[in-house]
Amino acid sequence: MKPAAFACCLFLFLNDLTLAVILRTNPRQDLFQPSPLFTMTSSRHRLIGDNDARYCGVPEEKQLFKIGELSISPRPPTVDTRLFALLKGGVKDISESDLEEAVINLTTKSSNGGSWVLDMKFSEFPQIIVRHERQYSKYLKPGVNEIIGDLILPGIFTTTATYSFNVEAKLPDGRTLFCFEFEYYLEGDL
């Protein structure tokens, strides 16, 4: 095996092992055993990872996608710089067909009064891709998923303000996969 391929395989193994440790399970066992990490009662609990996000909507323990990490870079985000996000977690006991029909809603509000809503099927959201068992796709699948996204906030279209972001994913029957929110001050050119 070439050194680069070995390093890549080692990185992916350690990444999966890290999630298993966070979830306090053996990586070869069910990742969804009860864990104190996912039994908190506050719906305003901060998400694990490099972020300023807090759970919202239905209480954390009732959200079906058990989040192991949310990392956002750079933090805080700035205009005219590519923003990356990684949301890693798992879901079980939901059919693949239901997950393929999941909808994501991104609501952005400005302290200056503006509000924008983007509501579409998860698989059609252009800025995200899903990694599952080291394979890339546009669909969530039962088990551990890594949702990877990037975007640029163009300064020329951004008004200087504090922005709140609410991200919610739901199944066709209305059950919540995940819901979290965060806010950042952005200095725009407007």
N, C-alpha and C. Protein backbone atom coordinates (compact mmCIF):
# COMPACT_ATOMS: atom_id res chain seq x y z
N MET A 1 0.86 -1.18 0.00
CA MET A 1 0.00 0.00 0.00
C MET A 1 0.90 1.24 0.00
N LYS A 2 0.56 2.21 -0.82
CA LYS A 2 1.33 3.44 -0.90
C LYS A 2 1.16 4.24 0.39
N PRO A 3 2.19 5.02 0.79
CA PRO A 3 2.10 5.78 2.04
C PRO A 3 0.89 6.72 2.09
N ALA A 4 0.56 7.36 0.98
CA ALA A 4 -0.59 8.29 0.99
C ALA A 4 -1.89 7.54 1.21
N ALA A 5 -2.04 6.39 0.57
CA ALA A 5 -3.26 5.59 0.74
C ALA A 5 -3.36 5.07 2.17
N PHE A 6 -2.22 4.65 2.72
CA PHE A 6 -2.21 4.17 4.10
C PHE A 6 -2.61 5.30 5.06
N ALA A 7 -2.04 6.49 4.85
CA ALA A 7 -2.36 7.63 5.71
C ALA A 7 -3.84 7.98 5.63
N CYS A 8 -4.41 7.93 4.43
CA CYS A 8 -5.83 8.22 4.25
C CYS A 8 -6.68 7.19 4.99
N CYS A 9 -6.35 5.90 4.84
CA CYS A 9 -7.11 4.84 5.54
C CYS A 9 -7.00 4.99 7.05
N LEU A 10 -5.78 5.31 7.52
CA LEU A 10 -5.58 5.50 8.96
C LEU A 10 -6.41 6.68 9.46
N PHE A 11 -6.41 7.78 8.70
CA PHE A 11 -7.20 8.95 9.10
C PHE A 11 -8.68 8.60 9.20
N LEU A 12 -9.22 7.89 8.19
CA LEU A 12 -10.64 7.54 8.20
C LEU A 12 -10.97 6.60 9.36
N PHE A 13 -10.07 5.64 9.65
CA PHE A 13 -10.30 4.74 10.78
C PHE A 13 -10.32 5.52 12.09
N LEU A 14 -9.33 6.42 12.27
CA LEU A 14 -9.27 7.20 13.50
C LEU A 14 -10.48 8.13 13.63
N ASN A 15 -10.96 8.65 12.50
CA ASN A 15 -12.14 9.50 12.51
C ASN A 15 -13.35 8.72 13.02
N ASP A 16 -13.55 7.49 12.50
CA ASP A 16 -14.66 6.65 12.97
C ASP A 16 -14.47 6.26 14.42
N LEU A 17 -13.23 5.97 14.80
CA LEU A 17 -12.95 5.59 16.18
C LEU A 17 -13.25 6.75 17.12
N THR A 18 -12.93 7.97 16.70
CA THR A 18 -13.20 9.15 17.51
C THR A 18 -14.70 9.29 17.77
N LEU A 19 -15.53 9.12 16.75
CA LEU A 19 -16.97 9.20 16.96
C LEU A 19 -17.42 8.11 17.93
N ALA A 20 -16.86 6.92 17.79
CA ALA A 20 -17.24 5.83 18.69
C ALA A 20 -16.87 6.17 20.13
N VAL A 21 -15.71 6.81 20.34
CA VAL A 21 -15.32 7.20 21.69
C VAL A 21 -16.26 8.28 22.22
N ILE A 22 -16.59 9.24 21.36
CA ILE A 22 -17.52 10.29 21.78
C ILE A 22 -18.84 9.69 22.20
N LEU A 23 -19.29 8.71 21.44
CA LEU A 23 -20.57 8.06 21.74
C LEU A 23 -20.43 6.99 22.81
N ARG A 24 -19.17 6.79 23.30
CA ARG A 24 -18.88 5.80 24.35
C ARG A 24 -19.29 4.39 23.95
N THR A 25 -18.93 3.99 22.75
CA THR A 25 -19.24 2.64 22.30
C THR A 25 -18.01 2.02 21.66
N ASN A 26 -18.06 0.74 21.43
CA ASN A 26 -17.06 0.04 20.66
C ASN A 26 -17.36 0.33 19.19
N PRO A 27 -16.36 0.67 18.36
CA PRO A 27 -16.66 1.02 16.97
C PRO A 27 -17.29 -0.11 16.19
N ARG A 28 -17.19 -1.33 16.66
CA ARG A 28 -17.79 -2.47 15.96
C ARG A 28 -19.16 -2.82 16.53
N GLN A 29 -19.63 -2.06 17.53
CA GLN A 29 -20.94 -2.31 18.12
C GLN A 29 -21.91 -1.24 17.65
N ASP A 30 -23.13 -1.39 18.06
CA ASP A 30 -24.17 -0.41 17.73
C ASP A 30 -23.80 0.95 18.31
N LEU A 31 -23.76 1.98 17.46
CA LEU A 31 -23.39 3.32 17.92
C LEU A 31 -24.51 4.01 18.66
N PHE A 32 -25.64 3.37 18.80
CA PHE A 32 -26.79 4.06 19.36
C PHE A 32 -27.20 3.52 20.71
N GLN A 33 -26.26 2.95 21.47
CA GLN A 33 -26.56 2.54 22.82
C GLN A 33 -26.79 3.80 23.64
N PRO A 34 -27.60 3.73 24.70
CA PRO A 34 -27.82 4.92 25.51
C PRO A 34 -26.49 5.46 26.04
N SER A 35 -26.35 6.76 25.99
CA SER A 35 -25.14 7.42 26.44
C SER A 35 -25.53 8.70 27.15
N PRO A 36 -24.82 9.06 28.23
CA PRO A 36 -25.14 10.31 28.92
C PRO A 36 -25.05 11.52 27.99
N LEU A 37 -24.22 11.41 26.95
CA LEU A 37 -24.05 12.51 26.01
C LEU A 37 -25.37 12.89 25.35
N PHE A 38 -26.23 11.90 25.12
CA PHE A 38 -27.46 12.16 24.38
C PHE A 38 -28.71 12.09 25.25
N THR A 39 -28.56 12.21 26.56
CA THR A 39 -29.73 12.14 27.42
C THR A 39 -29.94 13.42 28.21
N MET A 40 -29.32 14.50 27.79
CA MET A 40 -29.52 15.77 28.47
C MET A 40 -30.94 16.27 28.22
N THR A 41 -31.49 16.99 29.17
CA THR A 41 -32.88 17.40 29.05
C THR A 41 -33.05 18.80 28.48
N SER A 42 -32.01 19.62 28.49
CA SER A 42 -32.15 20.99 28.02
C SER A 42 -32.15 21.05 26.50
N SER A 43 -33.16 21.73 25.93
CA SER A 43 -33.20 21.88 24.48
C SER A 43 -32.25 22.98 24.02
N ARG A 44 -31.59 23.66 24.95
CA ARG A 44 -30.66 24.74 24.60
C ARG A 44 -29.21 24.33 24.84
N HIS A 45 -28.94 23.05 24.88
CA HIS A 45 -27.60 22.54 25.09
C HIS A 45 -26.72 22.85 23.88
N ARG A 46 -25.47 23.20 24.14
CA ARG A 46 -24.52 23.50 23.07
C ARG A 46 -24.10 22.22 22.36
N LEU A 47 -23.95 22.28 21.04
CA LEU A 47 -23.50 21.13 20.26
C LEU A 47 -22.01 20.91 20.48
N ILE A 48 -21.59 19.65 20.42
CA ILE A 48 -20.18 19.29 20.55
C ILE A 48 -19.44 19.71 19.28
N GLY A 49 -18.21 20.21 19.44
CA GLY A 49 -17.39 20.57 18.30
C GLY A 49 -17.01 22.03 18.33
N ASP A 50 -16.34 22.48 17.29
CA ASP A 50 -15.88 23.86 17.18
C ASP A 50 -16.99 24.69 16.55
N ASN A 51 -17.89 25.19 17.41
CA ASN A 51 -19.06 25.92 16.92
C ASN A 51 -19.66 26.72 18.07
N ASP A 52 -20.61 27.56 17.74
CA ASP A 52 -21.36 28.33 18.74
C ASP A 52 -22.83 27.96 18.70
N ALA A 53 -23.15 26.79 18.19
CA ALA A 53 -24.55 26.39 17.97
C ALA A 53 -25.17 25.79 19.23
N ARG A 54 -26.48 25.95 19.31
CA ARG A 54 -27.27 25.36 20.39
C ARG A 54 -28.46 24.64 19.77
N TYR A 55 -28.87 23.55 20.43
CA TYR A 55 -30.05 22.83 19.97
C TYR A 55 -31.26 23.75 20.06
N CYS A 56 -32.21 23.57 19.17
CA CYS A 56 -33.45 24.35 19.19
C CYS A 56 -34.59 23.46 18.72
N GLY A 57 -35.78 24.02 18.66
CA GLY A 57 -36.95 23.25 18.22
C GLY A 57 -37.29 22.20 19.25
N VAL A 58 -37.49 20.97 18.81
CA VAL A 58 -37.80 19.89 19.75
C VAL A 58 -36.58 19.64 20.63
N PRO A 59 -36.78 19.15 21.85
CA PRO A 59 -35.63 18.90 22.74
C PRO A 59 -34.60 17.97 22.09
N GLU A 60 -33.36 18.18 22.47
CA GLU A 60 -32.23 17.42 21.91
C GLU A 60 -32.47 15.92 21.93
N GLU A 61 -32.98 15.40 23.04
CA GLU A 61 -33.14 13.95 23.16
C GLU A 61 -34.23 13.40 22.25
N LYS A 62 -35.09 14.27 21.71
CA LYS A 62 -36.15 13.81 20.78
C LYS A 62 -35.75 13.97 19.32
N GLN A 63 -34.60 14.60 19.07
CA GLN A 63 -34.11 14.72 17.71
C GLN A 63 -33.55 13.37 17.28
N LEU A 64 -33.86 12.94 16.08
CA LEU A 64 -33.54 11.59 15.63
C LEU A 64 -32.10 11.41 15.17
N PHE A 65 -31.48 12.47 14.67
CA PHE A 65 -30.08 12.43 14.24
C PHE A 65 -29.23 12.79 15.45
N LYS A 66 -28.52 11.84 16.00
CA LYS A 66 -27.71 12.07 17.21
C LYS A 66 -26.38 12.68 16.80
N ILE A 67 -26.22 13.97 17.10
CA ILE A 67 -25.04 14.72 16.66
C ILE A 67 -23.85 14.39 17.54
N GLY A 68 -22.74 14.01 16.90
CA GLY A 68 -21.48 13.75 17.60
C GLY A 68 -20.52 14.91 17.47
N GLU A 69 -20.70 15.74 16.42
CA GLU A 69 -19.81 16.88 16.21
C GLU A 69 -20.41 17.84 15.19
N LEU A 70 -20.25 19.12 15.46
CA LEU A 70 -20.49 20.17 14.47
C LEU A 70 -19.28 21.08 14.53
N SER A 71 -18.56 21.18 13.44
CA SER A 71 -17.40 22.06 13.38
C SER A 71 -17.59 23.05 12.23
N ILE A 72 -17.33 24.31 12.53
CA ILE A 72 -17.47 25.39 11.56
C ILE A 72 -16.13 26.11 11.49
N SER A 73 -15.66 26.38 10.26
CA SER A 73 -14.39 27.06 10.10
C SER A 73 -14.49 28.00 8.90
N PRO A 74 -13.98 29.23 8.97
CA PRO A 74 -13.40 29.83 10.17
C PRO A 74 -14.49 30.20 11.17
N ARG A 75 -14.07 30.37 12.37
CA ARG A 75 -15.00 30.73 13.44
C ARG A 75 -14.41 31.89 14.21
N PRO A 76 -15.04 33.03 14.22
CA PRO A 76 -16.31 33.34 13.56
C PRO A 76 -16.12 33.48 12.05
N PRO A 77 -17.19 33.24 11.30
CA PRO A 77 -17.09 33.39 9.85
C PRO A 77 -16.92 34.85 9.45
N THR A 78 -16.34 35.05 8.29
CA THR A 78 -16.18 36.40 7.76
C THR A 78 -16.67 36.39 6.32
N VAL A 79 -17.04 37.56 5.83
CA VAL A 79 -17.49 37.65 4.44
C VAL A 79 -16.30 37.45 3.51
N ASP A 80 -16.59 37.05 2.28
CA ASP A 80 -15.60 36.84 1.23
C ASP A 80 -14.56 35.77 1.57
N THR A 81 -14.88 34.90 2.51
CA THR A 81 -14.02 33.78 2.88
C THR A 81 -14.86 32.52 2.84
N ARG A 82 -14.31 31.45 2.29
CA ARG A 82 -15.07 30.19 2.23
C ARG A 82 -15.29 29.67 3.64
N LEU A 83 -16.55 29.35 3.92
CA LEU A 83 -16.97 28.81 5.22
C LEU A 83 -17.20 27.32 5.05
N PHE A 84 -16.59 26.52 5.92
CA PHE A 84 -16.76 25.07 5.88
C PHE A 84 -17.51 24.62 7.12
N ALA A 85 -18.33 23.59 6.97
CA ALA A 85 -19.04 23.00 8.11
C ALA A 85 -19.05 21.49 7.97
N LEU A 86 -18.89 20.82 9.11
CA LEU A 86 -18.97 19.36 9.17
C LEU A 86 -19.94 19.01 10.29
N LEU A 87 -20.98 18.29 9.96
CA LEU A 87 -21.94 17.81 10.95
C LEU A 87 -21.86 16.29 10.91
N LYS A 88 -21.40 15.70 12.01
CA LYS A 88 -21.23 14.24 12.06
C LYS A 88 -22.12 13.67 13.14
N GLY A 89 -22.83 12.61 12.79
CA GLY A 89 -23.71 11.96 13.74
C GLY A 89 -24.35 10.74 13.12
N GLY A 90 -25.35 10.24 13.79
CA GLY A 90 -25.96 9.02 13.30
C GLY A 90 -27.46 8.99 13.50
N VAL A 91 -28.08 8.14 12.73
CA VAL A 91 -29.53 7.96 12.79
C VAL A 91 -29.82 6.47 12.63
N LYS A 92 -30.82 6.00 13.36
CA LYS A 92 -31.19 4.59 13.23
C LYS A 92 -32.70 4.46 13.23
N ASP A 93 -33.17 3.28 12.90
CA ASP A 93 -34.60 2.96 12.92
C ASP A 93 -35.44 3.85 12.01
N ILE A 94 -34.83 4.35 10.94
CA ILE A 94 -35.57 5.14 9.95
C ILE A 94 -35.21 4.56 8.59
N SER A 95 -36.21 4.37 7.76
CA SER A 95 -35.96 3.74 6.45
C SER A 95 -35.14 4.66 5.55
N GLU A 96 -34.40 4.04 4.68
CA GLU A 96 -33.59 4.79 3.72
C GLU A 96 -34.47 5.66 2.83
N SER A 97 -35.66 5.16 2.47
CA SER A 97 -36.56 5.94 1.61
C SER A 97 -37.06 7.20 2.34
N ASP A 98 -37.34 7.10 3.64
CA ASP A 98 -37.74 8.29 4.40
C ASP A 98 -36.59 9.29 4.49
N LEU A 99 -35.37 8.79 4.70
CA LEU A 99 -34.21 9.69 4.78
C LEU A 99 -33.96 10.37 3.44
N GLU A 100 -34.23 9.69 2.34
CA GLU A 100 -34.04 10.29 1.02
C GLU A 100 -35.03 11.43 0.77
N GLU A 101 -36.14 11.43 1.47
CA GLU A 101 -37.16 12.48 1.31
C GLU A 101 -37.04 13.59 2.36
N ALA A 102 -36.01 13.52 3.21
CA ALA A 102 -35.84 14.53 4.27
C ALA A 102 -35.72 15.93 3.67
N VAL A 103 -36.24 16.90 4.40
CA VAL A 103 -36.23 18.30 3.98
C VAL A 103 -35.38 19.10 4.96
N ILE A 104 -34.60 20.03 4.43
CA ILE A 104 -33.81 20.91 5.29
C ILE A 104 -34.33 22.33 5.13
N ASN A 105 -34.42 23.03 6.25
CA ASN A 105 -34.88 24.41 6.27
C ASN A 105 -33.78 25.25 6.90
N LEU A 106 -33.32 26.24 6.17
CA LEU A 106 -32.31 27.18 6.68
C LEU A 106 -32.97 28.55 6.72
N THR A 107 -33.12 29.08 7.93
CA THR A 107 -33.72 30.40 8.11
C THR A 107 -32.64 31.34 8.63
N THR A 108 -32.47 32.46 7.95
CA THR A 108 -31.49 33.47 8.33
C THR A 108 -32.22 34.76 8.64
N LYS A 109 -31.88 35.37 9.78
CA LYS A 109 -32.48 36.65 10.15
C LYS A 109 -31.37 37.63 10.48
N SER A 110 -31.58 38.87 10.06
CA SER A 110 -30.62 39.94 10.29
C SER A 110 -31.12 40.86 11.39
N SER A 111 -30.20 41.39 12.19
CA SER A 111 -30.59 42.37 13.21
C SER A 111 -31.11 43.65 12.56
N ASN A 112 -30.89 43.81 11.26
CA ASN A 112 -31.42 44.96 10.52
C ASN A 112 -32.83 44.73 10.02
N GLY A 113 -33.39 43.55 10.29
CA GLY A 113 -34.77 43.29 9.91
C GLY A 113 -34.98 42.35 8.74
N GLY A 114 -33.94 42.01 8.01
CA GLY A 114 -34.11 41.10 6.88
C GLY A 114 -34.27 39.65 7.33
N SER A 115 -34.96 38.87 6.52
CA SER A 115 -35.16 37.46 6.82
C SER A 115 -35.19 36.67 5.52
N TRP A 116 -34.53 35.51 5.49
CA TRP A 116 -34.47 34.67 4.30
C TRP A 116 -34.70 33.23 4.72
N VAL A 117 -35.47 32.51 3.91
CA VAL A 117 -35.76 31.10 4.20
C VAL A 117 -35.41 30.28 2.96
N LEU A 118 -34.67 29.23 3.18
CA LEU A 118 -34.36 28.25 2.14
C LEU A 118 -34.90 26.92 2.63
N ASP A 119 -35.87 26.36 1.91
CA ASP A 119 -36.55 25.14 2.33
C ASP A 119 -36.57 24.20 1.13
N MET A 120 -35.84 23.08 1.22
CA MET A 120 -35.79 22.15 0.09
C MET A 120 -35.41 20.76 0.56
N LYS A 121 -35.59 19.79 -0.35
CA LYS A 121 -35.17 18.44 -0.03
C LYS A 121 -33.67 18.43 0.27
N PHE A 122 -33.31 17.68 1.28
CA PHE A 122 -31.91 17.59 1.70
C PHE A 122 -31.01 17.25 0.51
N SER A 123 -31.45 16.30 -0.31
CA SER A 123 -30.64 15.83 -1.44
C SER A 123 -30.47 16.89 -2.53
N GLU A 124 -31.30 17.93 -2.53
CA GLU A 124 -31.23 18.98 -3.54
C GLU A 124 -30.50 20.22 -3.06
N PHE A 125 -30.13 20.24 -1.78
CA PHE A 125 -29.43 21.40 -1.22
C PHE A 125 -28.04 21.46 -1.86
N PRO A 126 -27.75 22.52 -2.65
CA PRO A 126 -26.55 22.50 -3.48
C PRO A 126 -25.22 22.56 -2.72
N GLN A 127 -25.19 23.13 -1.53
CA GLN A 127 -23.92 23.32 -0.84
C GLN A 127 -23.51 22.16 0.06
N ILE A 128 -24.27 21.08 0.12
CA ILE A 128 -23.90 19.99 1.03
C ILE A 128 -23.76 18.66 0.30
N ILE A 129 -22.94 17.82 0.89
CA ILE A 129 -22.73 16.45 0.43
C ILE A 129 -22.69 15.57 1.68
N VAL A 130 -23.06 14.32 1.53
CA VAL A 130 -23.09 13.40 2.66
C VAL A 130 -22.06 12.30 2.43
N ARG A 131 -21.28 12.03 3.48
CA ARG A 131 -20.33 10.92 3.43
C ARG A 131 -20.86 9.85 4.39
N HIS A 132 -21.02 8.63 3.86
CA HIS A 132 -21.52 7.50 4.65
C HIS A 132 -20.68 6.28 4.28
N GLU A 133 -20.05 5.69 5.28
CA GLU A 133 -19.16 4.54 5.07
C GLU A 133 -18.15 4.82 3.96
N ARG A 134 -17.56 6.00 4.02
CA ARG A 134 -16.50 6.45 3.11
C ARG A 134 -16.95 6.61 1.66
N GLN A 135 -18.26 6.68 1.45
CA GLN A 135 -18.82 6.91 0.12
C GLN A 135 -19.58 8.24 0.14
N TYR A 136 -19.48 8.99 -0.94
CA TYR A 136 -20.14 10.29 -1.02
C TYR A 136 -21.46 10.17 -1.77
N SER A 137 -22.47 10.91 -1.29
CA SER A 137 -23.76 10.96 -1.98
C SER A 137 -24.48 12.22 -1.55
N LYS A 138 -25.72 12.36 -1.96
CA LYS A 138 -26.55 13.49 -1.55
C LYS A 138 -27.60 13.05 -0.53
N TYR A 139 -27.58 11.77 -0.13
CA TYR A 139 -28.63 11.24 0.74
C TYR A 139 -28.10 10.80 2.10
N LEU A 140 -28.87 11.09 3.14
CA LEU A 140 -28.61 10.52 4.45
C LEU A 140 -28.97 9.04 4.40
N LYS A 141 -28.26 8.23 5.18
CA LYS A 141 -28.54 6.80 5.24
C LYS A 141 -28.56 6.38 6.71
N PRO A 142 -29.23 5.27 7.02
CA PRO A 142 -29.19 4.78 8.40
C PRO A 142 -27.73 4.50 8.80
N GLY A 143 -27.37 4.86 10.02
CA GLY A 143 -26.00 4.70 10.51
C GLY A 143 -25.33 6.05 10.66
N VAL A 144 -24.01 6.04 10.64
CA VAL A 144 -23.22 7.26 10.83
C VAL A 144 -23.10 8.01 9.50
N ASN A 145 -23.35 9.31 9.54
CA ASN A 145 -23.25 10.19 8.37
C ASN A 145 -22.39 11.39 8.72
N GLU A 146 -21.66 11.87 7.73
CA GLU A 146 -20.96 13.15 7.84
C GLU A 146 -21.55 14.06 6.78
N ILE A 147 -22.11 15.16 7.22
CA ILE A 147 -22.69 16.14 6.30
C ILE A 147 -21.67 17.25 6.16
N ILE A 148 -21.22 17.48 4.94
CA ILE A 148 -20.14 18.42 4.69
C ILE A 148 -20.69 19.53 3.80
N GLY A 149 -20.44 20.77 4.19
CA GLY A 149 -20.93 21.89 3.40
C GLY A 149 -19.94 23.03 3.35
N ASP A 150 -20.06 23.82 2.32
CA ASP A 150 -19.25 25.02 2.22
C ASP A 150 -20.03 26.09 1.49
N LEU A 151 -19.69 27.34 1.78
CA LEU A 151 -20.31 28.46 1.09
C LEU A 151 -19.47 29.70 1.30
N ILE A 152 -19.73 30.69 0.48
CA ILE A 152 -19.08 31.99 0.61
C ILE A 152 -20.17 33.02 0.83
N LEU A 153 -19.98 33.89 1.80
CA LEU A 153 -20.90 35.00 2.05
C LEU A 153 -20.29 36.23 1.37
N PRO A 154 -20.77 36.59 0.19
CA PRO A 154 -20.16 37.72 -0.53
C PRO A 154 -20.38 39.04 0.21
N GLY A 155 -19.30 39.73 0.49
CA GLY A 155 -19.38 41.00 1.20
C GLY A 155 -20.19 42.03 0.47
N ILE A 156 -20.16 42.02 -0.85
CA ILE A 156 -20.86 43.02 -1.63
C ILE A 156 -22.39 42.92 -1.52
N PHE A 157 -22.87 41.73 -1.05
CA PHE A 157 -24.31 41.55 -0.85
C PHE A 157 -24.68 41.47 0.64
N THR A 158 -23.71 41.70 1.50
CA THR A 158 -23.94 41.52 2.94
C THR A 158 -23.95 42.86 3.66
N THR A 159 -25.01 43.10 4.39
CA THR A 159 -25.11 44.28 5.24
C THR A 159 -24.47 43.97 6.58
N THR A 160 -23.71 44.90 7.13
CA THR A 160 -23.13 44.70 8.45
C THR A 160 -24.24 44.58 9.47
N ALA A 161 -24.26 43.45 10.17
CA ALA A 161 -25.33 43.17 11.15
C ALA A 161 -25.00 41.89 11.90
N THR A 162 -25.82 41.59 12.89
CA THR A 162 -25.77 40.29 13.56
C THR A 162 -26.80 39.41 12.87
N TYR A 163 -26.38 38.22 12.46
CA TYR A 163 -27.25 37.29 11.76
C TYR A 163 -27.48 36.05 12.61
N SER A 164 -28.73 35.63 12.67
CA SER A 164 -29.04 34.36 13.34
C SER A 164 -29.40 33.35 12.27
N PHE A 165 -28.89 32.13 12.45
CA PHE A 165 -29.10 31.05 11.50
C PHE A 165 -29.79 29.90 12.23
N ASN A 166 -30.87 29.41 11.67
CA ASN A 166 -31.60 28.27 12.22
C ASN A 166 -31.58 27.18 11.16
N VAL A 167 -31.09 26.00 11.52
CA VAL A 167 -30.98 24.88 10.59
C VAL A 167 -31.82 23.73 11.13
N GLU A 168 -32.79 23.28 10.34
CA GLU A 168 -33.67 22.20 10.80
C GLU A 168 -33.89 21.22 9.65
N ALA A 169 -33.73 19.93 9.96
CA ALA A 169 -34.00 18.87 8.98
C ALA A 169 -35.13 18.00 9.52
N LYS A 170 -36.10 17.71 8.65
CA LYS A 170 -37.27 16.93 9.05
C LYS A 170 -37.54 15.81 8.06
N LEU A 171 -38.18 14.77 8.57
CA LEU A 171 -38.64 13.67 7.74
C LEU A 171 -39.99 14.05 7.13
N PRO A 172 -40.44 13.33 6.10
CA PRO A 172 -41.73 13.65 5.48
C PRO A 172 -42.91 13.63 6.46
N ASP A 173 -42.82 12.82 7.52
CA ASP A 173 -43.92 12.74 8.49
C ASP A 173 -43.85 13.84 9.55
N GLY A 174 -42.86 14.76 9.44
CA GLY A 174 -42.77 15.88 10.35
C GLY A 174 -41.83 15.68 11.53
N ARG A 175 -41.31 14.47 11.73
CA ARG A 175 -40.37 14.25 12.83
C ARG A 175 -39.06 14.96 12.53
N THR A 176 -38.43 15.49 13.59
CA THR A 176 -37.21 16.28 13.44
C THR A 176 -35.97 15.40 13.48
N LEU A 177 -35.15 15.49 12.43
CA LEU A 177 -33.85 14.83 12.44
C LEU A 177 -32.89 15.62 13.32
N PHE A 178 -32.73 16.90 13.03
CA PHE A 178 -31.90 17.77 13.88
C PHE A 178 -32.37 19.20 13.72
N CYS A 179 -32.08 19.99 14.75
CA CYS A 179 -32.40 21.42 14.73
C CYS A 179 -31.40 22.12 15.63
N PHE A 180 -30.72 23.11 15.07
CA PHE A 180 -29.79 23.91 15.87
C PHE A 180 -29.75 25.32 15.30
N GLU A 181 -29.25 26.23 16.13
CA GLU A 181 -29.17 27.63 15.71
C GLU A 181 -27.90 28.26 16.26
N PHE A 182 -27.46 29.30 15.59
CA PHE A 182 -26.29 30.05 16.03
C PHE A 182 -26.40 31.45 15.46
N GLU A 183 -25.61 32.36 16.01
CA GLU A 183 -25.61 33.72 15.45
C GLU A 183 -24.20 34.27 15.43
N TYR A 184 -23.97 35.11 14.41
CA TYR A 184 -22.67 35.73 14.22
C TYR A 184 -22.85 37.17 13.74
N TYR A 185 -21.90 38.00 14.12
CA TYR A 185 -21.82 39.36 13.62
C TYR A 185 -20.98 39.32 12.34
N LEU A 186 -21.51 39.86 11.26
CA LEU A 186 -20.79 39.88 9.99
C LEU A 186 -20.62 41.32 9.53
N GLU A 187 -19.41 41.66 9.12
CA GLU A 187 -19.15 42.98 8.56
C GLU A 187 -19.18 42.86 7.05
N GLY A 188 -20.21 43.45 6.45
CA GLY A 188 -20.35 43.41 5.00
C GLY A 188 -19.96 44.72 4.37
N ASP A 189 -20.08 44.79 3.06
CA ASP A 189 -19.74 46.00 2.32
C ASP A 189 -20.92 46.96 2.22
N LEU A 190 -22.11 46.53 2.64
CA LEU A 190 -23.29 47.39 2.53
C LEU A 190 -23.57 48.11 3.84
